[in-house]
Amino acid sequence: MADALELDALWDEFHRVVNMTSQELATWLRVRDADEEAEPLPDQAGSPTGQHVLAILQKRRTDLTDDDIRVMYRVVDSVTAQTDLENEPVAEDTRRRHRLMTLGHDPLKPSP
């Protein structure tokens, strides 16, 4: 498990790159997996990583598991590699945006 300072830095970085709220992410995962006839159950919508990000967003820092920490590192690395957080993409890049939203990062969402 990460030491306290490393965990604090990871927590802050994770919440910086994951700019969607748990409610926004849950809605996106359901909408993304819906088809013409049905919408998936909330706990079955989205990828396993998307579901794990959603679970982490609903936790307190003190409740993180080693698996949560691994996913947080992976999400931070993945979002950082796919984005320029200073110069976010334009709306025309829909596939990339949707891929990032599955990880909890909406590149078109204004920074706070």
PDB file of N, CA and C in Angstrom:
ATOM      1  N   MET A   1       0.843  -1.181   0.000  1.00  0.00           N
ATOM      2  CA  MET A   1       0.000   0.000   0.000  1.00  0.00           C
ATOM      3  C   MET A   1       0.883   1.238   0.000  1.00  0.00           C
ATOM      4  N   ALA A   2       0.410   2.299  -0.602  1.00  0.00           N
ATOM      5  CA  ALA A   2       1.156   3.548  -0.713  1.00  0.00           C
ATOM      6  C   ALA A   2       1.269   4.222   0.657  1.00  0.00           C
ATOM      7  N   ASP A   3       2.361   4.988   0.837  1.00  0.00           N
ATOM      8  CA  ASP A   3       2.473   5.723   2.100  1.00  0.00           C
ATOM      9  C   ASP A   3       1.489   6.895   2.077  1.00  0.00           C
ATOM     10  N   ALA A   4       1.319   7.553   3.218  1.00  0.00           N
ATOM     11  CA  ALA A   4       0.280   8.586   3.370  1.00  0.00           C
ATOM     12  C   ALA A   4       0.463   9.744   2.397  1.00  0.00           C
ATOM     13  N   LEU A   5       1.688  10.226   2.220  1.00  0.00           N
ATOM     14  CA  LEU A   5       1.921  11.348   1.305  1.00  0.00           C
ATOM     15  C   LEU A   5       1.645  10.954  -0.143  1.00  0.00           C
ATOM     16  N   GLU A   6       2.088   9.764  -0.509  1.00  0.00           N
ATOM     17  CA  GLU A   6       1.853   9.278  -1.866  1.00  0.00           C
ATOM     18  C   GLU A   6       0.356   9.078  -2.113  1.00  0.00           C
ATOM     19  N   LEU A   7      -0.345   8.555  -1.135  1.00  0.00           N
ATOM     20  CA  LEU A   7      -1.783   8.343  -1.254  1.00  0.00           C
ATOM     21  C   LEU A   7      -2.523   9.673  -1.359  1.00  0.00           C
ATOM     22  N   ASP A   8      -2.109  10.659  -0.573  1.00  0.00           N
ATOM     23  CA  ASP A   8      -2.722  11.994  -0.658  1.00  0.00           C
ATOM     24  C   ASP A   8      -2.548  12.579  -2.058  1.00  0.00           C
ATOM     25  N   ALA A   9      -1.335  12.467  -2.599  1.00  0.00           N
ATOM     26  CA  ALA A   9      -1.057  12.999  -3.934  1.00  0.00           C
ATOM     27  C   ALA A   9      -1.877  12.259  -4.992  1.00  0.00           C
ATOM     28  N   LEU A  10      -1.973  10.935  -4.868  1.00  0.00           N
ATOM     29  CA  LEU A  10      -2.763  10.139  -5.809  1.00  0.00           C
ATOM     30  C   LEU A  10      -4.239  10.515  -5.720  1.00  0.00           C
ATOM     31  N   TRP A  11      -4.758  10.642  -4.524  1.00  0.00           N
ATOM     32  CA  TRP A  11      -6.157  11.019  -4.312  1.00  0.00           C
ATOM     33  C   TRP A  11      -6.460  12.350  -5.005  1.00  0.00           C
ATOM     34  N   ASP A  12      -5.592  13.330  -4.791  1.00  0.00           N
ATOM     35  CA  ASP A  12      -5.790  14.652  -5.392  1.00  0.00           C
ATOM     36  C   ASP A  12      -5.707  14.583  -6.917  1.00  0.00           C
ATOM     37  N   GLU A  13      -4.715  13.871  -7.438  1.00  0.00           N
ATOM     38  CA  GLU A  13      -4.549  13.754  -8.884  1.00  0.00           C
ATOM     39  C   GLU A  13      -5.717  12.989  -9.508  1.00  0.00           C
ATOM     40  N   PHE A  14      -6.158  11.926  -8.874  1.00  0.00           N
ATOM     41  CA  PHE A  14      -7.305  11.158  -9.366  1.00  0.00           C
ATOM     42  C   PHE A  14      -8.540  12.046  -9.465  1.00  0.00           C
ATOM     43  N   HIS A  15      -8.794  12.837  -8.423  1.00  0.00           N
ATOM     44  CA  HIS A  15      -9.974  13.696  -8.432  1.00  0.00           C
ATOM     45  C   HIS A  15      -9.806  14.910  -9.340  1.00  0.00           C
ATOM     46  N   ARG A  16      -8.600  15.195  -9.743  1.00  0.00           N
ATOM     47  CA  ARG A  16      -8.386  16.260 -10.725  1.00  0.00           C
ATOM     48  C   ARG A  16      -8.696  15.743 -12.124  1.00  0.00           C
ATOM     49  N   VAL A  17      -8.226  14.535 -12.460  1.00  0.00           N
ATOM     50  CA  VAL A  17      -8.464  14.010 -13.805  1.00  0.00           C
ATOM     51  C   VAL A  17      -9.866  13.410 -13.948  1.00  0.00           C
ATOM     52  N   VAL A  18     -10.412  12.868 -12.893  1.00  0.00           N
ATOM     53  CA  VAL A  18     -11.790  12.359 -12.924  1.00  0.00           C
ATOM     54  C   VAL A  18     -12.686  13.542 -12.554  1.00  0.00           C
ATOM     55  N   ASN A  19     -13.127  14.252 -13.592  1.00  0.00           N
ATOM     56  CA  ASN A  19     -13.868  15.489 -13.359  1.00  0.00           C
ATOM     57  C   ASN A  19     -15.384  15.314 -13.405  1.00  0.00           C
ATOM     58  N   MET A  20     -15.838  14.083 -13.549  1.00  0.00           N
ATOM     59  CA  MET A  20     -17.279  13.809 -13.512  1.00  0.00           C
ATOM     60  C   MET A  20     -17.655  13.399 -12.091  1.00  0.00           C
ATOM     61  N   THR A  21     -18.854  13.776 -11.678  1.00  0.00           N
ATOM     62  CA  THR A  21     -19.341  13.338 -10.375  1.00  0.00           C
ATOM     63  C   THR A  21     -19.764  11.878 -10.479  1.00  0.00           C
ATOM     64  N   SER A  22     -19.969  11.234  -9.355  1.00  0.00           N
ATOM     65  CA  SER A  22     -20.411   9.834  -9.382  1.00  0.00           C
ATOM     66  C   SER A  22     -21.761   9.723 -10.087  1.00  0.00           C
ATOM     67  N   GLN A  23     -22.634  10.692  -9.892  1.00  0.00           N
ATOM     68  CA  GLN A  23     -23.943  10.658 -10.555  1.00  0.00           C
ATOM     69  C   GLN A  23     -23.791  10.825 -12.069  1.00  0.00           C
ATOM     70  N   GLU A  24     -22.933  11.742 -12.501  1.00  0.00           N
ATOM     71  CA  GLU A  24     -22.704  11.926 -13.937  1.00  0.00           C
ATOM     72  C   GLU A  24     -22.116  10.667 -14.567  1.00  0.00           C
ATOM     73  N   LEU A  25     -21.147  10.059 -13.883  1.00  0.00           N
ATOM     74  CA  LEU A  25     -20.520   8.852 -14.410  1.00  0.00           C
ATOM     75  C   LEU A  25     -21.516   7.696 -14.459  1.00  0.00           C
ATOM     76  N   ALA A  26     -22.302   7.513 -13.410  1.00  0.00           N
ATOM     77  CA  ALA A  26     -23.293   6.433 -13.389  1.00  0.00           C
ATOM     78  C   ALA A  26     -24.290   6.601 -14.537  1.00  0.00           C
ATOM     79  N   THR A  27     -24.740   7.817 -14.758  1.00  0.00           N
ATOM     80  CA  THR A  27     -25.674   8.092 -15.853  1.00  0.00           C
ATOM     81  C   THR A  27     -25.022   7.799 -17.193  1.00  0.00           C
ATOM     82  N   TRP A  28     -23.787   8.254 -17.369  1.00  0.00           N
ATOM     83  CA  TRP A  28     -23.078   8.015 -18.628  1.00  0.00           C
ATOM     84  C   TRP A  28     -22.901   6.516 -18.895  1.00  0.00           C
ATOM     85  N   LEU A  29     -22.514   5.768 -17.895  1.00  0.00           N
ATOM     86  CA  LEU A  29     -22.308   4.331 -18.092  1.00  0.00           C
ATOM     87  C   LEU A  29     -23.616   3.650 -18.499  1.00  0.00           C
ATOM     88  N   ARG A  30     -24.741   4.050 -17.895  1.00  0.00           N
ATOM     89  CA  ARG A  30     -26.036   3.465 -18.270  1.00  0.00           C
ATOM     90  C   ARG A  30     -26.422   3.860 -19.691  1.00  0.00           C
ATOM     91  N   VAL A  31     -26.259   5.134 -20.032  1.00  0.00           N
ATOM     92  CA  VAL A  31     -26.628   5.615 -21.366  1.00  0.00           C
ATOM     93  C   VAL A  31     -25.756   4.954 -22.429  1.00  0.00           C
ATOM     94  N   ARG A  32     -24.485   4.840 -22.156  1.00  0.00           N
ATOM     95  CA  ARG A  32     -23.544   4.268 -23.122  1.00  0.00           C
ATOM     96  C   ARG A  32     -23.883   2.817 -23.442  1.00  0.00           C
ATOM     97  N   ASP A  33     -24.331   2.072 -22.456  1.00  0.00           N
ATOM     98  CA  ASP A  33     -24.634   0.656 -22.655  1.00  0.00           C
ATOM     99  C   ASP A  33     -26.094   0.384 -23.030  1.00  0.00           C
ATOM    100  N   ALA A  34     -26.921   1.409 -23.045  1.00  0.00           N
ATOM    101  CA  ALA A  34     -28.338   1.216 -23.377  1.00  0.00           C
ATOM    102  C   ALA A  34     -28.491   0.921 -24.870  1.00  0.00           C
ATOM    103  N   ASP A  35     -29.522   0.166 -25.186  1.00  0.00           N
ATOM    104  CA  ASP A  35     -29.849  -0.042 -26.593  1.00  0.00           C
ATOM    105  C   ASP A  35     -31.306   0.366 -26.796  1.00  0.00           C
ATOM    106  N   GLU A  36     -31.838   0.067 -27.954  1.00  0.00           N
ATOM    107  CA  GLU A  36     -33.192   0.498 -28.282  1.00  0.00           C
ATOM    108  C   GLU A  36     -34.253  -0.115 -27.384  1.00  0.00           C
ATOM    109  N   GLU A  37     -33.986  -1.280 -26.833  1.00  0.00           N
ATOM    110  CA  GLU A  37     -35.011  -1.989 -26.090  1.00  0.00           C
ATOM    111  C   GLU A  37     -34.826  -1.988 -24.586  1.00  0.00           C
ATOM    112  N   ALA A  38     -33.607  -1.755 -24.116  1.00  0.00           N
ATOM    113  CA  ALA A  38     -33.388  -1.875 -22.677  1.00  0.00           C
ATOM    114  C   ALA A  38     -32.181  -1.059 -22.232  1.00  0.00           C
ATOM    115  N   GLU A  39     -32.206  -0.757 -20.968  1.00  0.00           N
ATOM    116  CA  GLU A  39     -31.084  -0.083 -20.317  1.00  0.00           C
ATOM    117  C   GLU A  39     -30.541  -1.055 -19.266  1.00  0.00           C
ATOM    118  N   PRO A  40     -29.220  -1.182 -19.152  1.00  0.00           N
ATOM    119  CA  PRO A  40     -28.675  -2.135 -18.188  1.00  0.00           C
ATOM    120  C   PRO A  40     -28.944  -1.709 -16.747  1.00  0.00           C
ATOM    121  N   LEU A  41     -28.907  -2.664 -15.847  1.00  0.00           N
ATOM    122  CA  LEU A  41     -29.020  -2.343 -14.431  1.00  0.00           C
ATOM    123  C   LEU A  41     -27.843  -1.468 -14.033  1.00  0.00           C
ATOM    124  N   PRO A  42     -28.039  -0.536 -13.108  1.00  0.00           N
ATOM    125  CA  PRO A  42     -26.965   0.394 -12.749  1.00  0.00           C
ATOM    126  C   PRO A  42     -25.650  -0.275 -12.371  1.00  0.00           C
ATOM    127  N   ASP A  43     -25.708  -1.384 -11.653  1.00  0.00           N
ATOM    128  CA  ASP A  43     -24.462  -2.032 -11.227  1.00  0.00           C
ATOM    129  C   ASP A  43     -23.864  -2.929 -12.313  1.00  0.00           C
ATOM    130  N   GLN A  44     -24.506  -2.979 -13.493  1.00  0.00           N
ATOM    131  CA  GLN A  44     -23.987  -3.783 -14.592  1.00  0.00           C
ATOM    132  C   GLN A  44     -23.642  -2.937 -15.811  1.00  0.00           C
ATOM    133  N   ALA A  45     -23.772  -1.626 -15.691  1.00  0.00           N
ATOM    134  CA  ALA A  45     -23.525  -0.735 -16.820  1.00  0.00           C
ATOM    135  C   ALA A  45     -22.057  -0.342 -16.877  1.00  0.00           C
ATOM    136  N   GLY A  46     -21.532  -0.294 -18.094  1.00  0.00           N
ATOM    137  CA  GLY A  46     -20.166   0.168 -18.280  1.00  0.00           C
ATOM    138  C   GLY A  46     -19.133  -0.926 -18.143  1.00  0.00           C
ATOM    139  N   SER A  47     -17.895  -0.524 -18.368  1.00  0.00           N
ATOM    140  CA  SER A  47     -16.772  -1.456 -18.264  1.00  0.00           C
ATOM    141  C   SER A  47     -16.446  -1.709 -16.799  1.00  0.00           C
ATOM    142  N   PRO A  48     -15.710  -2.783 -16.527  1.00  0.00           N
ATOM    143  CA  PRO A  48     -15.289  -3.010 -15.137  1.00  0.00           C
ATOM    144  C   PRO A  48     -14.489  -1.828 -14.571  1.00  0.00           C
ATOM    145  N   THR A  49     -13.648  -1.224 -15.402  1.00  0.00           N
ATOM    146  CA  THR A  49     -12.878  -0.071 -14.920  1.00  0.00           C
ATOM    147  C   THR A  49     -13.806   1.098 -14.626  1.00  0.00           C
ATOM    148  N   GLY A  50     -14.771   1.350 -15.496  1.00  0.00           N
ATOM    149  CA  GLY A  50     -15.736   2.425 -15.252  1.00  0.00           C
ATOM    150  C   GLY A  50     -16.511   2.198 -13.961  1.00  0.00           C
ATOM    151  N   GLN A  51     -16.924   0.956 -13.731  1.00  0.00           N
ATOM    152  CA  GLN A  51     -17.627   0.624 -12.484  1.00  0.00           C
ATOM    153  C   GLN A  51     -16.719   0.814 -11.269  1.00  0.00           C
ATOM    154  N   HIS A  52     -15.436   0.478 -11.425  1.00  0.00           N
ATOM    155  CA  HIS A  52     -14.496   0.628 -10.312  1.00  0.00           C
ATOM    156  C   HIS A  52     -14.260   2.118 -10.012  1.00  0.00           C
ATOM    157  N   VAL A  53     -14.130   2.934 -11.057  1.00  0.00           N
ATOM    158  CA  VAL A  53     -13.982   4.383 -10.855  1.00  0.00           C
ATOM    159  C   VAL A  53     -15.199   4.917 -10.122  1.00  0.00           C
ATOM    160  N   LEU A  54     -16.381   4.484 -10.515  1.00  0.00           N
ATOM    161  CA  LEU A  54     -17.610   4.907  -9.855  1.00  0.00           C
ATOM    162  C   LEU A  54     -17.593   4.524  -8.379  1.00  0.00           C
ATOM    163  N   ALA A  55     -17.159   3.315  -8.074  1.00  0.00           N
ATOM    164  CA  ALA A  55     -17.082   2.871  -6.677  1.00  0.00           C
ATOM    165  C   ALA A  55     -16.077   3.711  -5.886  1.00  0.00           C
ATOM    166  N   ILE A  56     -14.942   4.045  -6.498  1.00  0.00           N
ATOM    167  CA  ILE A  56     -13.940   4.860  -5.812  1.00  0.00           C
ATOM    168  C   ILE A  56     -14.492   6.250  -5.518  1.00  0.00           C
ATOM    169  N   LEU A  57     -15.226   6.816  -6.468  1.00  0.00           N
ATOM    170  CA  LEU A  57     -15.812   8.151  -6.261  1.00  0.00           C
ATOM    171  C   LEU A  57     -16.774   8.170  -5.076  1.00  0.00           C
ATOM    172  N   GLN A  58     -17.320   7.031  -4.740  1.00  0.00           N
ATOM    173  CA  GLN A  58     -18.290   6.948  -3.652  1.00  0.00           C
ATOM    174  C   GLN A  58     -17.650   6.576  -2.320  1.00  0.00           C
ATOM    175  N   LYS A  59     -16.310   6.493  -2.296  1.00  0.00           N
ATOM    176  CA  LYS A  59     -15.587   6.105  -1.077  1.00  0.00           C
ATOM    177  C   LYS A  59     -14.901   7.292  -0.432  1.00  0.00           C
ATOM    178  N   ARG A  60     -14.583   7.091   0.837  1.00  0.00           N
ATOM    179  CA  ARG A  60     -13.697   8.024   1.531  1.00  0.00           C
ATOM    180  C   ARG A  60     -12.268   7.540   1.310  1.00  0.00           C
ATOM    181  N   ARG A  61     -11.339   8.443   1.387  1.00  0.00           N
ATOM    182  CA  ARG A  61      -9.931   8.101   1.177  1.00  0.00           C
ATOM    183  C   ARG A  61      -9.479   6.979   2.111  1.00  0.00           C
ATOM    184  N   THR A  62      -9.966   6.992   3.334  1.00  0.00           N
ATOM    185  CA  THR A  62      -9.547   5.987   4.317  1.00  0.00           C
ATOM    186  C   THR A  62     -10.087   4.593   4.014  1.00  0.00           C
ATOM    187  N   ASP A  63     -11.062   4.485   3.112  1.00  0.00           N
ATOM    188  CA  ASP A  63     -11.657   3.195   2.778  1.00  0.00           C
ATOM    189  C   ASP A  63     -11.077   2.544   1.526  1.00  0.00           C
ATOM    190  N   LEU A  64     -10.051   3.145   0.924  1.00  0.00           N
ATOM    191  CA  LEU A  64      -9.474   2.614  -0.307  1.00  0.00           C
ATOM    192  C   LEU A  64      -8.773   1.282  -0.061  1.00  0.00           C
ATOM    193  N   THR A  65      -8.915   0.392  -1.012  1.00  0.00           N
ATOM    194  CA  THR A  65      -8.211  -0.894  -0.971  1.00  0.00           C
ATOM    195  C   THR A  65      -6.986  -0.812  -1.887  1.00  0.00           C
ATOM    196  N   ASP A  66      -6.131  -1.817  -1.806  1.00  0.00           N
ATOM    197  CA  ASP A  66      -4.975  -1.871  -2.710  1.00  0.00           C
ATOM    198  C   ASP A  66      -5.430  -1.915  -4.172  1.00  0.00           C
ATOM    199  N   ASP A  67      -6.520  -2.631  -4.438  1.00  0.00           N
ATOM    200  CA  ASP A  67      -7.057  -2.703  -5.797  1.00  0.00           C
ATOM    201  C   ASP A  67      -7.543  -1.329  -6.255  1.00  0.00           C
ATOM    202  N   ASP A  68      -8.192  -0.576  -5.368  1.00  0.00           N
ATOM    203  CA  ASP A  68      -8.625   0.792  -5.690  1.00  0.00           C
ATOM    204  C   ASP A  68      -7.427   1.651  -6.076  1.00  0.00           C
ATOM    205  N   ILE A  69      -6.362   1.523  -5.323  1.00  0.00           N
ATOM    206  CA  ILE A  69      -5.162   2.330  -5.570  1.00  0.00           C
ATOM    207  C   ILE A  69      -4.554   1.980  -6.924  1.00  0.00           C
ATOM    208  N   ARG A  70      -4.525   0.699  -7.269  1.00  0.00           N
ATOM    209  CA  ARG A  70      -4.020   0.292  -8.584  1.00  0.00           C
ATOM    210  C   ARG A  70      -4.871   0.894  -9.707  1.00  0.00           C
ATOM    211  N   VAL A  71      -6.188   0.855  -9.552  1.00  0.00           N
ATOM    212  CA  VAL A  71      -7.090   1.416 -10.565  1.00  0.00           C
ATOM    213  C   VAL A  71      -6.900   2.933 -10.644  1.00  0.00           C
ATOM    214  N   MET A  72      -6.731   3.588  -9.511  1.00  0.00           N
ATOM    215  CA  MET A  72      -6.529   5.038  -9.516  1.00  0.00           C
ATOM    216  C   MET A  72      -5.263   5.402 -10.289  1.00  0.00           C
ATOM    217  N   TYR A  73      -4.168   4.687 -10.057  1.00  0.00           N
ATOM    218  CA  TYR A  73      -2.935   4.934 -10.810  1.00  0.00           C
ATOM    219  C   TYR A  73      -3.165   4.716 -12.308  1.00  0.00           C
ATOM    220  N   ARG A  74      -3.844   3.623 -12.649  1.00  0.00           N
ATOM    221  CA  ARG A  74      -4.089   3.302 -14.055  1.00  0.00           C
ATOM    222  C   ARG A  74      -4.952   4.373 -14.727  1.00  0.00           C
ATOM    223  N   VAL A  75      -5.985   4.856 -14.032  1.00  0.00           N
ATOM    224  CA  VAL A  75      -6.868   5.876 -14.599  1.00  0.00           C
ATOM    225  C   VAL A  75      -6.118   7.194 -14.763  1.00  0.00           C
ATOM    226  N   VAL A  76      -5.356   7.596 -13.757  1.00  0.00           N
ATOM    227  CA  VAL A  76      -4.577   8.838 -13.856  1.00  0.00           C
ATOM    228  C   VAL A  76      -3.615   8.751 -15.039  1.00  0.00           C
ATOM    229  N   ASP A  77      -2.900   7.633 -15.157  1.00  0.00           N
ATOM    230  CA  ASP A  77      -1.954   7.460 -16.261  1.00  0.00           C
ATOM    231  C   ASP A  77      -2.665   7.475 -17.613  1.00  0.00           C
ATOM    232  N   SER A  78      -3.785   6.778 -17.708  1.00  0.00           N
ATOM    233  CA  SER A  78      -4.511   6.679 -18.969  1.00  0.00           C
ATOM    234  C   SER A  78      -5.091   8.028 -19.387  1.00  0.00           C
ATOM    235  N   VAL A  79      -5.748   8.713 -18.473  1.00  0.00           N
ATOM    236  CA  VAL A  79      -6.347  10.015 -18.810  1.00  0.00           C
ATOM    237  C   VAL A  79      -5.247  11.016 -19.149  1.00  0.00           C
ATOM    238  N   THR A  80      -4.173  11.022 -18.386  1.00  0.00           N
ATOM    239  CA  THR A  80      -3.072  11.944 -18.639  1.00  0.00           C
ATOM    240  C   THR A  80      -2.443  11.685 -20.004  1.00  0.00           C
ATOM    241  N   ALA A  81      -2.288  10.423 -20.368  1.00  0.00           N
ATOM    242  CA  ALA A  81      -1.701  10.078 -21.661  1.00  0.00           C
ATOM    243  C   ALA A  81      -2.602  10.475 -22.825  1.00  0.00           C
ATOM    244  N   GLN A  82      -3.911  10.478 -22.606  1.00  0.00           N
ATOM    245  CA  GLN A  82      -4.858  10.756 -23.695  1.00  0.00           C
ATOM    246  C   GLN A  82      -5.314  12.202 -23.758  1.00  0.00           C
ATOM    247  N   THR A  83      -4.883  13.013 -22.821  1.00  0.00           N
ATOM    248  CA  THR A  83      -5.368  14.390 -22.799  1.00  0.00           C
ATOM    249  C   THR A  83      -4.236  15.374 -22.595  1.00  0.00           C
ATOM    250  N   ASP A  84      -4.530  16.574 -22.985  1.00  0.00           N
ATOM    251  CA  ASP A  84      -3.707  17.725 -22.637  1.00  0.00           C
ATOM    252  C   ASP A  84      -4.634  18.551 -21.763  1.00  0.00           C
ATOM    253  N   LEU A  85      -4.503  18.403 -20.453  1.00  0.00           N
ATOM    254  CA  LEU A  85      -5.467  19.010 -19.535  1.00  0.00           C
ATOM    255  C   LEU A  85      -5.501  20.533 -19.628  1.00  0.00           C
ATOM    256  N   GLU A  86      -4.493  21.135 -20.225  1.00  0.00           N
ATOM    257  CA  GLU A  86      -4.492  22.584 -20.416  1.00  0.00           C
ATOM    258  C   GLU A  86      -5.280  22.974 -21.666  1.00  0.00           C
ATOM    259  N   ASN A  87      -5.276  22.119 -22.684  1.00  0.00           N
ATOM    260  CA  ASN A  87      -5.937  22.405 -23.962  1.00  0.00           C
ATOM    261  C   ASN A  87      -6.819  21.234 -24.340  1.00  0.00           C
ATOM    262  N   GLU A  88      -8.017  21.195 -23.804  1.00  0.00           N
ATOM    263  CA  GLU A  88      -8.919  20.069 -24.039  1.00  0.00           C
ATOM    264  C   GLU A  88      -9.406  20.058 -25.490  1.00  0.00           C
ATOM    265  N   PRO A  89      -9.855  18.901 -25.970  1.00  0.00           N
ATOM    266  CA  PRO A  89     -10.255  18.763 -27.373  1.00  0.00           C
ATOM    267  C   PRO A  89     -11.568  19.470 -27.676  1.00  0.00           C
ATOM    268  N   VAL A  90     -11.830  19.567 -28.935  1.00  0.00           N
ATOM    269  CA  VAL A  90     -13.083  20.143 -29.392  1.00  0.00           C
ATOM    270  C   VAL A  90     -14.154  19.058 -29.451  1.00  0.00           C
ATOM    271  N   ALA A  91     -15.398  19.481 -29.600  1.00  0.00           N
ATOM    272  CA  ALA A  91     -16.529  18.555 -29.550  1.00  0.00           C
ATOM    273  C   ALA A  91     -16.505  17.510 -30.668  1.00  0.00           C
ATOM    274  N   GLU A  92     -15.825  17.783 -31.781  1.00  0.00           N
ATOM    275  CA  GLU A  92     -15.837  16.847 -32.909  1.00  0.00           C
ATOM    276  C   GLU A  92     -15.139  15.522 -32.602  1.00  0.00           C
ATOM    277  N   ASP A  93     -14.336  15.460 -31.571  1.00  0.00           N
ATOM    278  CA  ASP A  93     -13.588  14.252 -31.239  1.00  0.00           C
ATOM    279  C   ASP A  93     -14.434  13.342 -30.336  1.00  0.00           C
ATOM    280  N   THR A  94     -15.581  12.896 -30.844  1.00  0.00           N
ATOM    281  CA  THR A  94     -16.581  12.183 -30.051  1.00  0.00           C
ATOM    282  C   THR A  94     -16.086  10.840 -29.514  1.00  0.00           C
ATOM    283  N   ARG A  95     -15.450  10.034 -30.350  1.00  0.00           N
ATOM    284  CA  ARG A  95     -15.005   8.705 -29.886  1.00  0.00           C
ATOM    285  C   ARG A  95     -14.016   8.828 -28.737  1.00  0.00           C
ATOM    286  N   ARG A  96     -13.071   9.743 -28.857  1.00  0.00           N
ATOM    287  CA  ARG A  96     -12.083   9.950 -27.793  1.00  0.00           C
ATOM    288  C   ARG A  96     -12.767  10.454 -26.529  1.00  0.00           C
ATOM    289  N   ARG A  97     -13.686  11.378 -26.695  1.00  0.00           N
ATOM    290  CA  ARG A  97     -14.415  11.915 -25.537  1.00  0.00           C
ATOM    291  C   ARG A  97     -15.165  10.802 -24.819  1.00  0.00           C
ATOM    292  N   HIS A  98     -15.857   9.972 -25.553  1.00  0.00           N
ATOM    293  CA  HIS A  98     -16.637   8.890 -24.940  1.00  0.00           C
ATOM    294  C   HIS A  98     -15.736   7.880 -24.232  1.00  0.00           C
ATOM    295  N   ARG A  99     -14.579   7.597 -24.824  1.00  0.00           N
ATOM    296  CA  ARG A  99     -13.620   6.688 -24.186  1.00  0.00           C
ATOM    297  C   ARG A  99     -13.139   7.267 -22.853  1.00  0.00           C
ATOM    298  N   LEU A 100     -12.841   8.559 -22.831  1.00  0.00           N
ATOM    299  CA  LEU A 100     -12.395   9.216 -21.597  1.00  0.00           C
ATOM    300  C   LEU A 100     -13.522   9.303 -20.573  1.00  0.00           C
ATOM    301  N   MET A 101     -14.735   9.536 -21.040  1.00  0.00           N
ATOM    302  CA  MET A 101     -15.870   9.630 -20.116  1.00  0.00           C
ATOM    303  C   MET A 101     -16.102   8.300 -19.403  1.00  0.00           C
ATOM    304  N   THR A 102     -15.786   7.192 -20.051  1.00  0.00           N
ATOM    305  CA  THR A 102     -15.917   5.882 -19.412  1.00  0.00           C
ATOM    306  C   THR A 102     -14.983   5.771 -18.209  1.00  0.00           C
ATOM    307  N   LEU A 103     -13.903   6.561 -18.208  1.00  0.00           N
ATOM    308  CA  LEU A 103     -12.971   6.601 -17.076  1.00  0.00           C
ATOM    309  C   LEU A 103     -13.306   7.734 -16.100  1.00  0.00           C
ATOM    310  N   GLY A 104     -14.366   8.494 -16.394  1.00  0.00           N
ATOM    311  CA  GLY A 104     -14.771   9.566 -15.490  1.00  0.00           C
ATOM    312  C   GLY A 104     -14.233  10.927 -15.843  1.00  0.00           C
ATOM    313  N   HIS A 105     -13.640  11.068 -17.045  1.00  0.00           N
ATOM    314  CA  HIS A 105     -13.110  12.363 -17.462  1.00  0.00           C
ATOM    315  C   HIS A 105     -13.857  12.852 -18.690  1.00  0.00           C
ATOM    316  N   ASP A 106     -14.577  13.970 -18.530  1.00  0.00           N
ATOM    317  CA  ASP A 106     -15.256  14.586 -19.673  1.00  0.00           C
ATOM    318  C   ASP A 106     -14.391  15.750 -20.148  1.00  0.00           C
ATOM    319  N   PRO A 107     -13.734  15.598 -21.296  1.00  0.00           N
ATOM    320  CA  PRO A 107     -12.840  16.650 -21.763  1.00  0.00           C
ATOM    321  C   PRO A 107     -13.537  17.953 -22.098  1.00  0.00           C
ATOM    322  N   LEU A 108     -14.852  17.934 -22.275  1.00  0.00           N
ATOM    323  CA  LEU A 108     -15.574  19.164 -22.598  1.00  0.00           C
ATOM    324  C   LEU A 108     -16.168  19.852 -21.364  1.00  0.00           C
ATOM    325  N   LYS A 109     -16.006  19.232 -20.220  1.00  0.00           N
ATOM    326  CA  LYS A 109     -16.528  19.819 -18.975  1.00  0.00           C
ATOM    327  C   LYS A 109     -15.599  20.958 -18.544  1.00  0.00           C
ATOM    328  N   PRO A 110     -16.173  22.129 -18.280  1.00  0.00           N
ATOM    329  CA  PRO A 110     -15.316  23.247 -17.865  1.00  0.00           C
ATOM    330  C   PRO A 110     -14.610  22.971 -16.544  1.00  0.00           C
ATOM    331  N   SER A 111     -13.395  23.472 -16.443  1.00  0.00           N
ATOM    332  CA  SER A 111     -12.641  23.331 -15.187  1.00  0.00           C
ATOM    333  C   SER A 111     -13.275  24.191 -14.117  1.00  0.00           C
ATOM    334  N   PRO A 112     -13.213  23.720 -12.859  1.00  0.00           N
ATOM    335  CA  PRO A 112     -13.824  24.512 -11.777  1.00  0.00           C
ATOM    336  C   PRO A 112     -13.076  25.800 -11.516  1.00  0.00           C
TER     337      PRO A 112
END
